[in-house]
C-alpha atoms as a PDB file:
ATOM      1  CA  UNK A   1      -0.015   0.275  -0.086  1.00  0.00           C
ATOM      2  CA  UNK A   2       1.285   3.491  -0.719  1.00  0.00           C
ATOM      3  CA  UNK A   3       1.308   5.934   1.786  1.00  0.00           C
ATOM      4  CA  UNK A   4       2.323   9.678   2.364  1.00  0.00           C
ATOM      5  CA  UNK A   5       4.739  10.282   5.426  1.00  0.00           C
ATOM      6  CA  UNK A   6       2.997  12.990   7.655  1.00  0.00           C
ATOM      7  CA  UNK A   7       5.889  12.726  10.591  1.00  0.00           C
ATOM      8  CA  UNK A   8       9.357  11.885   9.938  1.00  0.00           C
ATOM      9  CA  UNK A   9       9.824   7.637  11.159  1.00  0.00           C
ATOM     10  CA  UNK A  10      11.678   4.816   9.958  1.00  0.00           C
ATOM     11  CA  UNK A  11      10.352   2.044   8.076  1.00  0.00           C
ATOM     12  CA  UNK A  12      12.008  -1.066   8.158  1.00  0.00           C
ATOM     13  CA  UNK A  13      15.387   0.764   9.318  1.00  0.00           C
ATOM     14  CA  UNK A  14      15.004   3.380   6.286  1.00  0.00           C
ATOM     15  CA  UNK A  15      14.269   7.357   7.566  1.00  0.00           C
ATOM     16  CA  UNK A  16      11.168   8.014   5.657  1.00  0.00           C
ATOM     17  CA  UNK A  17      10.446  12.251   5.702  1.00  0.00           C
ATOM     18  CA  UNK A  18       7.781  14.158   5.668  1.00  0.00           C
ATOM     19  CA  UNK A  19       5.802  14.324   2.194  1.00  0.00           C
ATOM     20  CA  UNK A  20       7.662  10.757   0.522  1.00  0.00           C
ATOM     21  CA  UNK A  21       5.574   8.571  -0.735  1.00  0.00           C
ATOM     22  CA  UNK A  22       6.537   5.055   0.311  1.00  0.00           C
ATOM     23  CA  UNK A  23       5.356   1.320  -0.587  1.00  0.00           C
ATOM     24  CA  UNK A  24       4.522  -0.475   2.672  1.00  0.00           C
ATOM     25  CA  UNK A  25       2.536  -3.871   3.651  1.00  0.00           C
ATOM     26  CA  UNK A  26      -0.922  -3.494   4.756  1.00  0.00           C
ATOM     27  CA  UNK A  27       0.228  -4.075   8.689  1.00  0.00           C
ATOM     28  CA  UNK A  28       2.948  -1.437   8.476  1.00  0.00           C
ATOM     29  CA  UNK A  29       0.344   0.821   6.275  1.00  0.00           C
ATOM     30  CA  UNK A  30      -2.307   0.017   9.178  1.00  0.00           C
ATOM     31  CA  UNK A  31       0.333   0.982  11.940  1.00  0.00           C
ATOM     32  CA  UNK A  32       1.610   4.354  10.248  1.00  0.00           C
ATOM     33  CA  UNK A  33      -2.180   5.375   9.756  1.00  0.00           C
ATOM     34  CA  UNK A  34      -3.321   4.423  13.516  1.00  0.00           C
ATOM     35  CA  UNK A  35      -0.313   6.541  14.791  1.00  0.00           C
ATOM     36  CA  UNK A  36      -0.977   9.172  12.840  1.00  0.00           C
ATOM     37  CA  UNK A  37       1.826   9.278  10.741  1.00  0.00           C
ATOM     38  CA  UNK A  38       1.063   8.306   7.458  1.00  0.00           C
ATOM     39  CA  UNK A  39      -2.308   9.022   5.373  1.00  0.00           C
ATOM     40  CA  UNK A  40      -3.058   6.570   2.597  1.00  0.00           C
ATOM     41  CA  UNK A  41      -1.182   8.377  -0.630  1.00  0.00           C
ATOM     42  CA  UNK A  42      -3.564   9.931  -3.099  1.00  0.00           C
ATOM     43  CA  UNK A  43      -4.234   8.527  -6.251  1.00  0.00           C
ATOM     44  CA  UNK A  44      -1.674  10.257  -8.981  1.00  0.00           C
ATOM     45  CA  UNK A  45      -3.388  10.810 -12.549  1.00  0.00           C
ATOM     46  CA  UNK A  46      -1.315  11.059 -15.543  1.00  0.00           C
ATOM     47  CA  UNK A  47      -1.784  14.529 -16.556  1.00  0.00           C
ATOM     48  CA  UNK A  48      -3.035  15.334 -19.936  1.00  0.00           C
ATOM     49  CA  UNK A  49      -0.184  16.274 -22.509  1.00  0.00           C
ATOM     50  CA  UNK A  50      -0.777  19.897 -23.400  1.00  0.00           C
ATOM     51  CA  UNK A  51       0.179  20.311 -27.166  1.00  0.00           C
ATOM     52  CA  UNK A  52       2.954  22.839 -28.129  1.00  0.00           C
ATOM     53  CA  UNK A  53       1.631  26.084 -28.401  1.00  0.00           C
ATOM     54  CA  UNK A  54       2.171  27.148 -32.493  1.00  0.00           C
ATOM     55  CA  UNK A  55       5.062  29.892 -32.807  1.00  0.00           C
ATOM     56  CA  UNK A  56       4.252  32.788 -34.827  1.00  0.00           C
ATOM     57  CA  UNK A  57       6.082  35.331 -35.866  1.00  0.00           C
ATOM     58  CA  UNK A  58       5.872  38.978 -37.006  1.00  0.00           C
ATOM     59  CA  UNK A  59       5.846  39.771 -40.469  1.00  0.00           C
ATOM     60  CA  UNK A  60       9.831  40.861 -41.542  1.00  0.00           C
ATOM     61  CA  UNK A  61      10.218  44.592 -42.498  1.00  0.00           C
ATOM     62  CA  UNK A  62      12.845  45.743 -44.915  1.00  0.00           C
ATOM     63  CA  UNK A  63      14.752  48.490 -43.342  1.00  0.00           C
ATOM     64  CA  UNK A  64      17.320  49.183 -46.271  1.00  0.00           C
ATOM     65  CA  UNK A  65      17.106  48.488 -49.746  1.00  0.00           C
ATOM     66  CA  UNK A  66      13.975  49.162 -52.137  1.00  0.00           C
ATOM     67  CA  UNK A  67      10.989  48.139 -51.806  1.00  0.00           C
END
């Protein structure tokens, strides 16, 4: 289960810092949630790709020479 860490803690001997999203077993997840150290991680949705903006150019003006 993926959890969002709310308070710094240690999971299986490794530090988990505030804001980290970690994958843990159900038993550890229940314990961390019950102690207020984590909450279920929000579902991450893939952002829709935005189309690249089309680039428009100003018309070129002549500064020298005849027209």
